[in-house]
C-alpha atoms as a PDB file:
ATOM      1  CA  MET A   1      71.181 -37.907 -34.867  1.00  0.00           C
ATOM      2  CA  SER A   2      69.677 -38.278 -31.646  1.00  0.00           C
ATOM      3  CA  ASP A   3      66.325 -40.310 -31.183  1.00  0.00           C
ATOM      4  CA  ILE A   4      64.401 -37.201 -30.321  1.00  0.00           C
ATOM      5  CA  ALA A   5      65.525 -35.203 -33.532  1.00  0.00           C
ATOM      6  CA  GLU A   6      65.155 -38.180 -35.637  1.00  0.00           C
ATOM      7  CA  ASP A   7      61.477 -38.110 -34.371  1.00  0.00           C
ATOM      8  CA  LEU A   8      60.835 -34.693 -35.394  1.00  0.00           C
ATOM      9  CA  THR A   9      62.199 -35.226 -38.907  1.00  0.00           C
ATOM     10  CA  LYS A  10      59.736 -38.219 -39.391  1.00  0.00           C
ATOM     11  CA  GLU A  11      56.817 -35.925 -37.712  1.00  0.00           C
ATOM     12  CA  ILE A  12      57.579 -32.940 -40.233  1.00  0.00           C
ATOM     13  CA  ASN A  13      58.175 -35.119 -43.284  1.00  0.00           C
ATOM     14  CA  GLY A  14      55.089 -37.076 -42.333  1.00  0.00           C
ATOM     15  CA  ILE A  15      52.977 -33.523 -41.942  1.00  0.00           C
ATOM     16  CA  ARG A  16      54.272 -32.439 -45.310  1.00  0.00           C
ATOM     17  CA  SER A  17      52.828 -35.508 -46.481  1.00  0.00           C
ATOM     18  CA  TRP A  18      49.407 -35.143 -45.662  1.00  0.00           C
ATOM     19  CA  ALA A  19      46.569 -33.413 -47.675  1.00  0.00           C
ATOM     20  CA  GLU A  20      46.622 -29.650 -47.054  1.00  0.00           C
ATOM     21  CA  GLU A  21      43.010 -29.594 -45.516  1.00  0.00           C
ATOM     22  CA  ASP A  22      44.008 -32.498 -42.864  1.00  0.00           C
ATOM     23  CA  ARG A  23      47.085 -30.853 -41.707  1.00  0.00           C
ATOM     24  CA  PRO A  24      45.517 -28.478 -38.794  1.00  0.00           C
ATOM     25  CA  ARG A  25      43.785 -32.044 -37.653  1.00  0.00           C
ATOM     26  CA  GLU A  26      46.656 -33.917 -37.512  1.00  0.00           C
ATOM     27  CA  LYS A  27      48.583 -31.247 -35.825  1.00  0.00           C
ATOM     28  CA  LEU A  28      46.010 -31.007 -33.402  1.00  0.00           C
ATOM     29  CA  ILE A  29      46.124 -34.773 -32.650  1.00  0.00           C
ATOM     30  CA  LEU A  30      50.061 -34.550 -32.480  1.00  0.00           C
ATOM     31  CA  LYS A  31      50.866 -31.318 -30.420  1.00  0.00           C
ATOM     32  CA  GLY A  32      47.577 -30.478 -29.145  1.00  0.00           C
ATOM     33  CA  SER A  33      45.082 -27.777 -29.749  1.00  0.00           C
ATOM     34  CA  SER A  34      46.965 -24.936 -28.249  1.00  0.00           C
ATOM     35  CA  THR A  35      49.508 -25.116 -30.801  1.00  0.00           C
ATOM     36  CA  LEU A  36      47.096 -24.496 -33.562  1.00  0.00           C
ATOM     37  CA  SER A  37      46.978 -20.750 -34.799  1.00  0.00           C
ATOM     38  CA  ASP A  38      43.675 -19.141 -34.732  1.00  0.00           C
ATOM     39  CA  ALA A  39      43.401 -19.866 -38.749  1.00  0.00           C
ATOM     40  CA  GLU A  40      43.810 -23.330 -38.265  1.00  0.00           C
ATOM     41  CA  LEU A  41      41.288 -24.023 -35.440  1.00  0.00           C
ATOM     42  CA  LEU A  42      38.945 -22.056 -37.779  1.00  0.00           C
ATOM     43  CA  ALA A  43      39.822 -24.347 -40.998  1.00  0.00           C
ATOM     44  CA  ILE A  44      38.906 -27.380 -38.563  1.00  0.00           C
ATOM     45  CA  LEU A  45      35.675 -25.808 -38.234  1.00  0.00           C
ATOM     46  CA  ILE A  46      34.889 -25.053 -41.983  1.00  0.00           C
ATOM     47  CA  GLY A  47      36.469 -28.605 -43.309  1.00  0.00           C
ATOM     48  CA  SER A  48      37.348 -27.233 -46.746  1.00  0.00           C
ATOM     49  CA  GLY A  49      38.367 -24.375 -48.586  1.00  0.00           C
ATOM     50  CA  THR A  50      38.092 -23.191 -52.245  1.00  0.00           C
ATOM     51  CA  ARG A  51      39.639 -24.824 -55.500  1.00  0.00           C
ATOM     52  CA  GLY A  52      42.199 -21.863 -55.302  1.00  0.00           C
ATOM     53  CA  GLU A  53      42.913 -21.851 -51.424  1.00  0.00           C
ATOM     54  CA  SER A  54      42.966 -24.340 -48.719  1.00  0.00           C
ATOM     55  CA  ALA A  55      40.802 -24.067 -45.634  1.00  0.00           C
ATOM     56  CA  VAL A  56      43.761 -22.103 -43.848  1.00  0.00           C
ATOM     57  CA  ASP A  57      43.755 -19.782 -46.452  1.00  0.00           C
ATOM     58  CA  VAL A  58      40.106 -18.951 -46.395  1.00  0.00           C
ATOM     59  CA  CYS A  59      40.362 -18.317 -42.725  1.00  0.00           C
ATOM     60  CA  LYS A  60      43.455 -16.370 -43.127  1.00  0.00           C
ATOM     61  CA  SER A  61      41.643 -13.915 -45.084  1.00  0.00           C
ATOM     62  CA  ILE A  62      38.457 -13.700 -42.779  1.00  0.00           C
ATOM     63  CA  LEU A  63      40.473 -12.968 -39.645  1.00  0.00           C
ATOM     64  CA  LYS A  64      42.604 -10.530 -41.987  1.00  0.00           C
ATOM     65  CA  ASN A  65      39.257  -8.295 -42.288  1.00  0.00           C
ATOM     66  CA  VAL A  66      38.192  -8.686 -38.552  1.00  0.00           C
ATOM     67  CA  HIS A  67      42.005  -7.372 -37.691  1.00  0.00           C
ATOM     68  CA  ASN A  68      43.152 -11.062 -36.450  1.00  0.00           C
ATOM     69  CA  ASN A  69      40.586  -9.964 -33.685  1.00  0.00           C
ATOM     70  CA  LEU A  70      37.970 -12.930 -32.455  1.00  0.00           C
ATOM     71  CA  ASN A  71      36.064 -10.337 -30.635  1.00  0.00           C
ATOM     72  CA  GLU A  72      35.397  -8.836 -33.736  1.00  0.00           C
ATOM     73  CA  LEU A  73      34.768 -12.208 -35.573  1.00  0.00           C
ATOM     74  CA  GLY A  74      32.156 -12.806 -32.766  1.00  0.00           C
ATOM     75  CA  LYS A  75      30.448 -10.039 -34.198  1.00  0.00           C
ATOM     76  CA  LEU A  76      29.687 -11.405 -37.516  1.00  0.00           C
ATOM     77  CA  SER A  77      26.245 -12.930 -38.311  1.00  0.00           C
ATOM     78  CA  VAL A  78      25.754 -15.920 -40.419  1.00  0.00           C
ATOM     79  CA  THR A  79      25.127 -13.404 -43.265  1.00  0.00           C
ATOM     80  CA  ASP A  80      28.189 -11.476 -42.829  1.00  0.00           C
ATOM     81  CA  LEU A  81      30.335 -14.699 -42.595  1.00  0.00           C
ATOM     82  CA  LYS A  82      28.705 -15.778 -46.354  1.00  0.00           C
ATOM     83  CA  LYS A  83      30.091 -13.041 -47.719  1.00  0.00           C
ATOM     84  CA  TYR A  84      33.489 -14.686 -47.920  1.00  0.00           C
ATOM     85  CA  LYS A  85      34.420 -16.619 -50.798  1.00  0.00           C
ATOM     86  CA  GLY A  86      34.559 -20.326 -49.850  1.00  0.00           C
ATOM     87  CA  ILE A  87      31.789 -20.001 -46.912  1.00  0.00           C
ATOM     88  CA  GLY A  88      28.584 -21.194 -47.126  1.00  0.00           C
ATOM     89  CA  GLU A  89      25.672 -21.049 -44.854  1.00  0.00           C
ATOM     90  CA  ALA A  90      26.408 -24.352 -43.257  1.00  0.00           C
ATOM     91  CA  LYS A  91      30.051 -23.121 -42.519  1.00  0.00           C
ATOM     92  CA  ALA A  92      28.989 -19.978 -41.511  1.00  0.00           C
ATOM     93  CA  ILE A  93      26.507 -21.463 -38.967  1.00  0.00           C
ATOM     94  CA  THR A  94      29.494 -23.663 -37.604  1.00  0.00           C
ATOM     95  CA  ILE A  95      31.353 -20.587 -36.758  1.00  0.00           C
ATOM     96  CA  VAL A  96      28.750 -18.758 -35.223  1.00  0.00           C
ATOM     97  CA  ALA A  97      27.953 -21.962 -32.945  1.00  0.00           C
ATOM     98  CA  ALA A  98      31.608 -22.148 -31.751  1.00  0.00           C
ATOM     99  CA  LEU A  99      32.246 -18.893 -31.002  1.00  0.00           C
ATOM    100  CA  GLU A 100      28.924 -19.125 -28.842  1.00  0.00           C
ATOM    101  CA  LEU A 101      29.609 -21.566 -27.105  1.00  0.00           C
ATOM    102  CA  ALA A 102      33.191 -19.946 -26.110  1.00  0.00           C
ATOM    103  CA  LYS A 103      31.214 -16.904 -25.089  1.00  0.00           C
ATOM    104  CA  ARG A 104      28.810 -19.569 -22.996  1.00  0.00           C
ATOM    105  CA  ARG A 105      32.249 -21.122 -21.491  1.00  0.00           C
ATOM    106  CA  ARG A 106      33.324 -17.798 -20.467  1.00  0.00           C
ATOM    107  CA  THR A 107      29.752 -16.971 -18.738  1.00  0.00           C
ATOM    108  CA  ALA A 108      29.591 -20.427 -16.875  1.00  0.00           C
ATOM    109  CA  GLU A 109      33.228 -20.319 -15.261  1.00  0.00           C
ATOM    110  CA  VAL A 110      32.218 -17.086 -13.464  1.00  0.00           C
ATOM    111  CA  ARG A 111      28.922 -18.823 -12.751  1.00  0.00           C
ATOM    112  CA  GLU A 112      30.674 -21.997 -11.008  1.00  0.00           C
ATOM    113  CA  LYS A 113      32.781 -19.689  -8.680  1.00  0.00           C
ATOM    114  CA  GLU A 114      31.588 -19.545  -4.964  1.00  0.00           C
ATOM    115  CA  LYS A 115      31.224 -15.624  -5.298  1.00  0.00           C
ATOM    116  CA  ILE A 116      31.630 -12.674  -7.580  1.00  0.00           C
ATOM    117  CA  SER A 117      34.890 -11.118  -5.708  1.00  0.00           C
ATOM    118  CA  GLY A 118      35.274  -8.051  -7.783  1.00  0.00           C
ATOM    119  CA  SER A 119      34.854  -6.313 -11.167  1.00  0.00           C
ATOM    120  CA  LYS A 120      36.943  -8.531 -12.971  1.00  0.00           C
ATOM    121  CA  ASP A 121      34.437 -11.193 -12.380  1.00  0.00           C
ATOM    122  CA  VAL A 122      31.386  -9.281 -13.382  1.00  0.00           C
ATOM    123  CA  TYR A 123      33.230  -8.233 -16.515  1.00  0.00           C
ATOM    124  CA  GLU A 124      33.978 -11.461 -17.541  1.00  0.00           C
ATOM    125  CA  TYR A 125      29.918 -12.445 -16.910  1.00  0.00           C
ATOM    126  CA  PHE A 126      28.634  -9.982 -19.108  1.00  0.00           C
ATOM    127  CA  HIS A 127      31.696 -10.031 -21.533  1.00  0.00           C
ATOM    128  CA  HIS A 128      29.443 -10.725 -24.504  1.00  0.00           C
ATOM    129  CA  LEU A 129      27.862  -7.483 -24.579  1.00  0.00           C
ATOM    130  CA  SER A 130      30.891  -6.325 -26.142  1.00  0.00           C
ATOM    131  CA  ASP A 131      29.889  -7.793 -29.207  1.00  0.00           C
ATOM    132  CA  LEU A 132      26.396  -6.208 -29.748  1.00  0.00           C
ATOM    133  CA  HIS A 133      25.875  -3.642 -31.908  1.00  0.00           C
ATOM    134  CA  ASN A 134      23.503  -1.989 -29.565  1.00  0.00           C
ATOM    135  CA  GLU A 135      23.332  -0.999 -26.130  1.00  0.00           C
ATOM    136  CA  GLU A 136      21.883  -3.395 -23.323  1.00  0.00           C
ATOM    137  CA  PHE A 137      21.303  -2.794 -19.896  1.00  0.00           C
ATOM    138  CA  TRP A 138      21.613  -5.595 -17.546  1.00  0.00           C
ATOM    139  CA  VAL A 139      21.252  -6.330 -13.719  1.00  0.00           C
ATOM    140  CA  MET A 140      23.124  -9.027 -11.803  1.00  0.00           C
ATOM    141  CA  PHE A 141      21.171  -9.785  -8.239  1.00  0.00           C
ATOM    142  CA  LEU A 142      23.192 -11.124  -5.702  1.00  0.00           C
ATOM    143  CA  ASN A 143      22.667 -12.820  -2.281  1.00  0.00           C
ATOM    144  CA  ARG A 144      24.290 -11.667   0.910  1.00  0.00           C
ATOM    145  CA  ALA A 145      27.599 -14.003   0.274  1.00  0.00           C
ATOM    146  CA  ASN A 146      27.592 -12.384  -3.448  1.00  0.00           C
ATOM    147  CA  LYS A 147      26.576 -15.406  -5.184  1.00  0.00           C
ATOM    148  CA  ILE A 148      24.609 -14.763  -8.188  1.00  0.00           C
ATOM    149  CA  ILE A 149      21.187 -15.552  -7.459  1.00  0.00           C
ATOM    150  CA  SER A 150      20.204 -14.006 -11.590  1.00  0.00           C
ATOM    151  CA  THR A 151      20.717 -11.916 -14.290  1.00  0.00           C
ATOM    152  CA  GLN A 152      18.051  -9.602 -16.096  1.00  0.00           C
ATOM    153  CA  LYS A 153      17.978  -7.606 -18.786  1.00  0.00           C
ATOM    154  CA  ALA A 154      16.555  -3.903 -17.708  1.00  0.00           C
ATOM    155  CA  SER A 155      16.538  -2.318 -21.327  1.00  0.00           C
ATOM    156  CA  GLN A 156      17.701  -2.476 -25.009  1.00  0.00           C
ATOM    157  CA  GLY A 157      18.511   0.454 -27.023  1.00  0.00           C
ATOM    158  CA  GLY A 158      20.017   1.642 -29.983  1.00  0.00           C
ATOM    159  CA  ILE A 159      23.563   2.441 -30.868  1.00  0.00           C
ATOM    160  CA  THR A 160      24.055   5.539 -28.982  1.00  0.00           C
ATOM    161  CA  GLY A 161      22.175   4.807 -25.767  1.00  0.00           C
ATOM    162  CA  THR A 162      19.690   3.292 -23.331  1.00  0.00           C
ATOM    163  CA  VAL A 163      17.351   4.052 -20.856  1.00  0.00           C
ATOM    164  CA  ALA A 164      16.730   1.781 -17.762  1.00  0.00           C
ATOM    165  CA  ASP A 165      13.859   1.874 -15.278  1.00  0.00           C
ATOM    166  CA  VAL A 166      14.569   2.381 -11.684  1.00  0.00           C
ATOM    167  CA  ARG A 167      11.489   0.897 -10.384  1.00  0.00           C
ATOM    168  CA  LEU A 168      11.590  -2.316 -12.382  1.00  0.00           C
ATOM    169  CA  ILE A 169      15.612  -2.719 -11.388  1.00  0.00           C
ATOM    170  CA  LEU A 170      14.445  -2.618  -7.661  1.00  0.00           C
ATOM    171  CA  LYS A 171      11.110  -4.802  -8.637  1.00  0.00           C
ATOM    172  CA  GLY A 172      13.669  -7.594  -9.735  1.00  0.00           C
ATOM    173  CA  ALA A 173      15.832  -7.058  -6.715  1.00  0.00           C
ATOM    174  CA  LEU A 174      12.616  -7.839  -4.500  1.00  0.00           C
ATOM    175  CA  ASP A 175      11.575 -10.644  -6.554  1.00  0.00           C
ATOM    176  CA  ASN A 176      14.850 -12.216  -6.256  1.00  0.00           C
ATOM    177  CA  PHE A 177      15.189 -11.526  -2.434  1.00  0.00           C
ATOM    178  CA  ALA A 178      18.789  -9.627  -3.265  1.00  0.00           C
ATOM    179  CA  THR A 179      20.724  -8.176  -1.130  1.00  0.00           C
ATOM    180  CA  GLY A 180      23.353  -6.488  -3.610  1.00  0.00           C
ATOM    181  CA  ILE A 181      22.997  -5.479  -7.060  1.00  0.00           C
ATOM    182  CA  VAL A 182      25.580  -4.636  -9.979  1.00  0.00           C
ATOM    183  CA  LEU A 183      24.555  -2.834 -12.801  1.00  0.00           C
ATOM    184  CA  CYS A 184      26.281  -3.341 -16.245  1.00  0.00           C
ATOM    185  CA  HIS A 185      25.724  -1.965 -19.674  1.00  0.00           C
ATOM    186  CA  ASN A 186      28.058  -1.848 -22.820  1.00  0.00           C
ATOM    187  CA  HIS A 187      29.191   0.840 -25.093  1.00  0.00           C
ATOM    188  CA  PRO A 188      29.194  -0.132 -28.778  1.00  0.00           C
ATOM    189  CA  SER A 189      31.702   2.871 -29.838  1.00  0.00           C
ATOM    190  CA  GLY A 190      34.580   1.365 -27.593  1.00  0.00           C
ATOM    191  CA  ASN A 191      34.439   4.663 -25.218  1.00  0.00           C
ATOM    192  CA  LEU A 192      34.493   3.415 -21.711  1.00  0.00           C
ATOM    193  CA  THR A 193      33.849   6.828 -20.397  1.00  0.00           C
ATOM    194  CA  PRO A 194      30.870   7.000 -18.349  1.00  0.00           C
ATOM    195  CA  SER A 195      28.200   9.606 -19.352  1.00  0.00           C
ATOM    196  CA  ASN A 196      26.494  11.889 -17.410  1.00  0.00           C
ATOM    197  CA  GLU A 197      23.275  10.111 -17.761  1.00  0.00           C
ATOM    198  CA  ASP A 198      25.324   6.875 -16.590  1.00  0.00           C
ATOM    199  CA  LYS A 199      26.280   8.537 -13.387  1.00  0.00           C
ATOM    200  CA  ASP A 200      22.726  10.081 -12.734  1.00  0.00           C
ATOM    201  CA  LEU A 201      21.358   6.640 -13.186  1.00  0.00           C
ATOM    202  CA  THR A 202      23.718   4.870 -10.531  1.00  0.00           C
ATOM    203  CA  GLN A 203      22.930   7.780  -8.218  1.00  0.00           C
ATOM    204  CA  LYS A 204      19.371   7.427  -8.622  1.00  0.00           C
ATOM    205  CA  VAL A 205      19.214   3.239  -8.164  1.00  0.00           C
ATOM    206  CA  LYS A 206      21.801   3.737  -5.426  1.00  0.00           C
ATOM    207  CA  GLN A 207      19.556   6.024  -3.252  1.00  0.00           C
ATOM    208  CA  ALA A 208      16.316   4.136  -3.945  1.00  0.00           C
ATOM    209  CA  ALA A 209      17.967   0.964  -3.404  1.00  0.00           C
ATOM    210  CA  LYS A 210      19.486   1.976   0.164  1.00  0.00           C
ATOM    211  CA  LEU A 211      15.676   2.560   1.102  1.00  0.00           C
ATOM    212  CA  LEU A 212      15.039  -1.385   0.876  1.00  0.00           C
ATOM    213  CA  ASP A 213      18.407  -1.953   2.496  1.00  0.00           C
ATOM    214  CA  ILE A 214      19.885  -3.366  -0.765  1.00  0.00           C
ATOM    215  CA  ASN A 215      23.381  -2.263  -1.800  1.00  0.00           C
ATOM    216  CA  ILE A 216      24.560  -1.367  -5.262  1.00  0.00           C
ATOM    217  CA  LEU A 217      28.002  -2.840  -5.459  1.00  0.00           C
ATOM    218  CA  ASP A 218      29.067  -1.696  -8.928  1.00  0.00           C
ATOM    219  CA  HIS A 219      28.351  -0.351 -12.043  1.00  0.00           C
ATOM    220  CA  ILE A 220      30.440  -1.772 -15.012  1.00  0.00           C
ATOM    221  CA  ILE A 221      30.614  -0.407 -18.544  1.00  0.00           C
ATOM    222  CA  VAL A 222      32.029  -2.961 -21.155  1.00  0.00           C
ATOM    223  CA  SER A 223      33.374  -2.572 -24.854  1.00  0.00           C
ATOM    224  CA  ASP A 224      35.888  -4.013 -26.914  1.00  0.00           C
ATOM    225  CA  ALA A 225      38.603  -1.890 -25.007  1.00  0.00           C
ATOM    226  CA  GLY A 226      38.171  -3.447 -21.752  1.00  0.00           C
ATOM    227  CA  TYR A 227      35.647  -2.284 -19.004  1.00  0.00           C
ATOM    228  CA  TYR A 228      35.211   0.519 -16.576  1.00  0.00           C
ATOM    229  CA  SER A 229      34.167   0.057 -12.915  1.00  0.00           C
ATOM    230  CA  PHE A 230      32.431   2.961 -11.073  1.00  0.00           C
ATOM    231  CA  ALA A 231      33.586   0.680  -7.580  1.00  0.00           C
ATOM    232  CA  ASP A 232      36.870   0.665  -8.882  1.00  0.00           C
ATOM    233  CA  GLU A 233      37.148   4.068  -9.770  1.00  0.00           C
ATOM    234  CA  GLY A 234      35.891   5.615  -6.729  1.00  0.00           C
ATOM    235  CA  ILE A 235      32.972   6.900  -8.129  1.00  0.00           C
ATOM    236  CA  LEU A 236      29.873   4.432  -7.059  1.00  0.00           C
END
């Protein structure tokens, strides 16, 4: 037996000897976080399972109920998570906090870029909106180099829609000395097709902004299914 094979055998036998709750942690140390499954990573967060199930088993059950979709998991509240056997308030809070950090990291990575270079960058920045159960309308203000100056929530609505005020959008642009604007809102239904209201609002903002020498660079609709870009589709 080669030295490599012998070392691998020892490692596998070693893992089998660890307490079941500790195996994901030890696996992470030995092989790196990327080798762990979603259930194993979650198991490290909650620390322990129940009398009849390991932490990994508990987490597999949770993931199964959200179709093994981390975006769906990210929509669950502390109250939602506490409904699962073996998940108390402390464990639920830990999961929610970890997923929120992941969302913020994604947004931070876009902010650190020199500039917004296309619709994908905007989608990455506003991806967290796909986790919401209600519609929100946001505006991104950019300078002449397409760097983000700031973002602002223009409106918040219900499950089926929200109404944004063109005057408030343009006031925000003037207050931030922005030369470019990107509009973004979410569709909780998952349907990425823009409504007639979406199209009408986009044109109203575009026409009003033109008088102020401000460009509407894009309007992005986000959902679990991905995103829709008015600019990419040539209807801006």
